[in-house]
């Protein structure tokens, strides 16, 4: 038997197991329309690259967490994510970067969300806005 797996990677957004809050969607929804379109295009690119992109568009952060970098009109959006075996990309945390170095509290948010995801596997499928 020849194994061929042509299934596409899918993108999901982490959902808090207690509050059911979806931080990445909340972040994206509050942005201006042009920023939303740009972020959506980068997430599509991330999916097409099977969850692995390098600088300047992304980088490894820690413990399997990577960062998607979306720069648009002087705004530096960052989305932390993980890629898991089932061809899933889980968006964990998003924020607007205002300093040269990524604040530790933002990395801690992503790590806490990652730990919660590992325990409960709560996520919802990301759907691109049209």
C-alpha atoms as a PDB file:
ATOM      1  CA  UNK A   1       0.000   0.000   0.000  1.00  0.00           C
ATOM      2  CA  UNK A   2       1.329   3.411  -0.953  1.00  0.00           C
ATOM      3  CA  UNK A   3       0.700   6.111   1.635  1.00  0.00           C
ATOM      4  CA  UNK A   4      -0.268   9.446   0.156  1.00  0.00           C
ATOM      5  CA  UNK A   5      -1.560  12.207   2.345  1.00  0.00           C
ATOM      6  CA  UNK A   6      -2.683  15.234   0.410  1.00  0.00           C
ATOM      7  CA  UNK A   7      -4.754  16.670   3.235  1.00  0.00           C
ATOM      8  CA  UNK A   8      -4.232  20.363   3.799  1.00  0.00           C
ATOM      9  CA  UNK A   9      -3.159  21.869   7.056  1.00  0.00           C
ATOM     10  CA  UNK A  10      -6.015  23.494   8.964  1.00  0.00           C
ATOM     11  CA  UNK A  11      -5.834  26.540  11.191  1.00  0.00           C
ATOM     12  CA  UNK A  12      -7.587  26.628  14.560  1.00  0.00           C
ATOM     13  CA  UNK A  13      -7.827  29.243  17.291  1.00  0.00           C
ATOM     14  CA  UNK A  14      -7.218  28.261  20.897  1.00  0.00           C
ATOM     15  CA  UNK A  15     -10.298  28.554  23.115  1.00  0.00           C
ATOM     16  CA  UNK A  16      -9.920  28.987  26.890  1.00  0.00           C
ATOM     17  CA  UNK A  17     -11.247  25.899  28.666  1.00  0.00           C
ATOM     18  CA  UNK A  18     -12.892  27.896  31.484  1.00  0.00           C
ATOM     19  CA  UNK A  19     -14.186  31.085  29.892  1.00  0.00           C
ATOM     20  CA  UNK A  20     -14.554  29.832  26.273  1.00  0.00           C
ATOM     21  CA  UNK A  21     -12.827  33.079  25.240  1.00  0.00           C
ATOM     22  CA  UNK A  22     -10.969  32.904  21.902  1.00  0.00           C
ATOM     23  CA  UNK A  23      -8.153  35.455  22.303  1.00  0.00           C
ATOM     24  CA  UNK A  24      -6.816  35.506  18.739  1.00  0.00           C
ATOM     25  CA  UNK A  25     -10.265  35.981  17.191  1.00  0.00           C
ATOM     26  CA  UNK A  26     -11.063  38.726  19.704  1.00  0.00           C
ATOM     27  CA  UNK A  27      -7.824  40.476  18.804  1.00  0.00           C
ATOM     28  CA  UNK A  28      -8.398  40.229  15.049  1.00  0.00           C
ATOM     29  CA  UNK A  29     -12.053  41.300  15.232  1.00  0.00           C
ATOM     30  CA  UNK A  30     -11.191  44.619  16.881  1.00  0.00           C
ATOM     31  CA  UNK A  31      -8.725  45.611  14.137  1.00  0.00           C
ATOM     32  CA  UNK A  32      -9.388  47.892  11.140  1.00  0.00           C
ATOM     33  CA  UNK A  33     -10.524  46.082   7.980  1.00  0.00           C
ATOM     34  CA  UNK A  34      -7.189  46.479   6.146  1.00  0.00           C
ATOM     35  CA  UNK A  35      -5.266  44.948   9.052  1.00  0.00           C
ATOM     36  CA  UNK A  36      -7.717  42.018   9.152  1.00  0.00           C
ATOM     37  CA  UNK A  37      -7.156  41.356   5.439  1.00  0.00           C
ATOM     38  CA  UNK A  38      -3.376  41.438   5.870  1.00  0.00           C
ATOM     39  CA  UNK A  39      -3.459  39.089   8.865  1.00  0.00           C
ATOM     40  CA  UNK A  40      -5.779  36.717   7.006  1.00  0.00           C
ATOM     41  CA  UNK A  41      -3.347  36.628   4.067  1.00  0.00           C
ATOM     42  CA  UNK A  42      -0.426  35.849   6.400  1.00  0.00           C
ATOM     43  CA  UNK A  43      -2.398  33.074   8.100  1.00  0.00           C
ATOM     44  CA  UNK A  44      -3.166  31.589   4.673  1.00  0.00           C
ATOM     45  CA  UNK A  45       0.549  31.776   3.844  1.00  0.00           C
ATOM     46  CA  UNK A  46       1.328  30.071   7.152  1.00  0.00           C
ATOM     47  CA  UNK A  47      -1.116  27.264   6.325  1.00  0.00           C
ATOM     48  CA  UNK A  48       0.370  26.840   2.831  1.00  0.00           C
ATOM     49  CA  UNK A  49       3.848  26.612   4.371  1.00  0.00           C
ATOM     50  CA  UNK A  50       2.633  23.822   6.684  1.00  0.00           C
ATOM     51  CA  UNK A  51       3.024  25.911   9.814  1.00  0.00           C
ATOM     52  CA  UNK A  52       6.692  26.659   9.406  1.00  0.00           C
ATOM     53  CA  UNK A  53       7.954  30.025   8.205  1.00  0.00           C
ATOM     54  CA  UNK A  54      11.186  31.791   8.994  1.00  0.00           C
ATOM     55  CA  UNK A  55      12.319  35.379   9.350  1.00  0.00           C
ATOM     56  CA  UNK A  56      11.260  37.966   8.499  1.00  0.00           C
ATOM     57  CA  UNK A  57       7.710  36.502   8.586  1.00  0.00           C
ATOM     58  CA  UNK A  58       8.096  34.231  11.580  1.00  0.00           C
ATOM     59  CA  UNK A  59      10.466  32.788  14.126  1.00  0.00           C
ATOM     60  CA  UNK A  60      10.774  30.155  16.844  1.00  0.00           C
ATOM     61  CA  UNK A  61      10.009  31.484  20.347  1.00  0.00           C
ATOM     62  CA  UNK A  62      10.193  28.595  22.851  1.00  0.00           C
ATOM     63  CA  UNK A  63       8.741  25.169  23.766  1.00  0.00           C
ATOM     64  CA  UNK A  64       7.427  24.557  20.249  1.00  0.00           C
ATOM     65  CA  UNK A  65       5.753  27.965  20.044  1.00  0.00           C
ATOM     66  CA  UNK A  66       6.433  30.030  16.941  1.00  0.00           C
ATOM     67  CA  UNK A  67       5.602  33.638  16.113  1.00  0.00           C
ATOM     68  CA  UNK A  68       3.864  34.919  12.985  1.00  0.00           C
ATOM     69  CA  UNK A  69       4.962  38.493  12.242  1.00  0.00           C
ATOM     70  CA  UNK A  70       2.513  40.730  10.421  1.00  0.00           C
ATOM     71  CA  UNK A  71       3.747  44.247   9.764  1.00  0.00           C
ATOM     72  CA  UNK A  72       1.300  46.692   8.262  1.00  0.00           C
ATOM     73  CA  UNK A  73       1.122  50.478   8.273  1.00  0.00           C
ATOM     74  CA  UNK A  74       3.484  50.908  11.253  1.00  0.00           C
ATOM     75  CA  UNK A  75       1.623  48.205  13.203  1.00  0.00           C
ATOM     76  CA  UNK A  76       3.574  45.134  14.239  1.00  0.00           C
ATOM     77  CA  UNK A  77       1.028  42.412  14.892  1.00  0.00           C
ATOM     78  CA  UNK A  78       2.285  39.177  16.430  1.00  0.00           C
ATOM     79  CA  UNK A  79       0.471  35.853  16.602  1.00  0.00           C
ATOM     80  CA  UNK A  80       1.931  32.986  18.610  1.00  0.00           C
ATOM     81  CA  UNK A  81       1.061  29.522  17.330  1.00  0.00           C
ATOM     82  CA  UNK A  82       1.947  25.836  17.451  1.00  0.00           C
ATOM     83  CA  UNK A  83       1.864  23.191  14.745  1.00  0.00           C
ATOM     84  CA  UNK A  84       0.792  19.708  15.788  1.00  0.00           C
ATOM     85  CA  UNK A  85       0.937  16.302  14.167  1.00  0.00           C
ATOM     86  CA  UNK A  86      -2.625  16.115  12.914  1.00  0.00           C
ATOM     87  CA  UNK A  87      -1.824  18.870  10.396  1.00  0.00           C
ATOM     88  CA  UNK A  88      -3.249  21.475  12.721  1.00  0.00           C
ATOM     89  CA  UNK A  89      -1.962  24.963  13.352  1.00  0.00           C
ATOM     90  CA  UNK A  90      -3.263  26.359  16.642  1.00  0.00           C
ATOM     91  CA  UNK A  91      -3.221  30.159  17.024  1.00  0.00           C
ATOM     92  CA  UNK A  92      -2.607  30.757  20.730  1.00  0.00           C
ATOM     93  CA  UNK A  93      -2.225  34.473  21.383  1.00  0.00           C
ATOM     94  CA  UNK A  94      -2.064  37.760  19.458  1.00  0.00           C
ATOM     95  CA  UNK A  95      -0.929  41.245  20.348  1.00  0.00           C
ATOM     96  CA  UNK A  96       0.324  44.526  18.920  1.00  0.00           C
ATOM     97  CA  UNK A  97       4.067  44.756  19.437  1.00  0.00           C
ATOM     98  CA  UNK A  98       5.097  48.233  20.541  1.00  0.00           C
ATOM     99  CA  UNK A  99       8.641  47.615  21.764  1.00  0.00           C
ATOM    100  CA  UNK A 100      11.813  46.343  20.138  1.00  0.00           C
ATOM    101  CA  UNK A 101      11.878  43.166  22.240  1.00  0.00           C
ATOM    102  CA  UNK A 102       8.849  40.916  22.715  1.00  0.00           C
ATOM    103  CA  UNK A 103       7.496  41.507  26.244  1.00  0.00           C
ATOM    104  CA  UNK A 104       7.827  38.473  28.523  1.00  0.00           C
ATOM    105  CA  UNK A 105       4.187  38.779  29.599  1.00  0.00           C
ATOM    106  CA  UNK A 106       3.081  38.168  25.997  1.00  0.00           C
ATOM    107  CA  UNK A 107       5.199  35.009  25.810  1.00  0.00           C
ATOM    108  CA  UNK A 108       3.757  33.946  29.184  1.00  0.00           C
ATOM    109  CA  UNK A 109       0.204  34.403  27.822  1.00  0.00           C
ATOM    110  CA  UNK A 110       1.077  32.131  24.900  1.00  0.00           C
ATOM    111  CA  UNK A 111       2.674  29.542  27.193  1.00  0.00           C
ATOM    112  CA  UNK A 112      -0.355  29.518  29.510  1.00  0.00           C
ATOM    113  CA  UNK A 113      -2.683  29.120  26.538  1.00  0.00           C
ATOM    114  CA  UNK A 114      -0.480  26.322  25.197  1.00  0.00           C
ATOM    115  CA  UNK A 115      -0.619  24.488  28.555  1.00  0.00           C
ATOM    116  CA  UNK A 116      -4.407  24.873  28.682  1.00  0.00           C
ATOM    117  CA  UNK A 117      -4.665  23.601  25.107  1.00  0.00           C
ATOM    118  CA  UNK A 118      -2.494  20.569  25.916  1.00  0.00           C
ATOM    119  CA  UNK A 119      -4.817  19.637  28.785  1.00  0.00           C
ATOM    120  CA  UNK A 120      -8.199  20.262  27.171  1.00  0.00           C
ATOM    121  CA  UNK A 121      -7.608  20.515  23.395  1.00  0.00           C
ATOM    122  CA  UNK A 122     -10.113  23.363  23.091  1.00  0.00           C
ATOM    123  CA  UNK A 123     -10.024  25.167  19.752  1.00  0.00           C
ATOM    124  CA  UNK A 124     -12.300  26.375  16.997  1.00  0.00           C
ATOM    125  CA  UNK A 125     -11.556  26.372  13.288  1.00  0.00           C
ATOM    126  CA  UNK A 126     -10.260  29.651  11.900  1.00  0.00           C
ATOM    127  CA  UNK A 127     -12.308  30.964   9.008  1.00  0.00           C
ATOM    128  CA  UNK A 128     -10.932  33.649   6.766  1.00  0.00           C
ATOM    129  CA  UNK A 129     -13.018  36.760   6.394  1.00  0.00           C
ATOM    130  CA  UNK A 130     -14.187  37.571   2.901  1.00  0.00           C
END
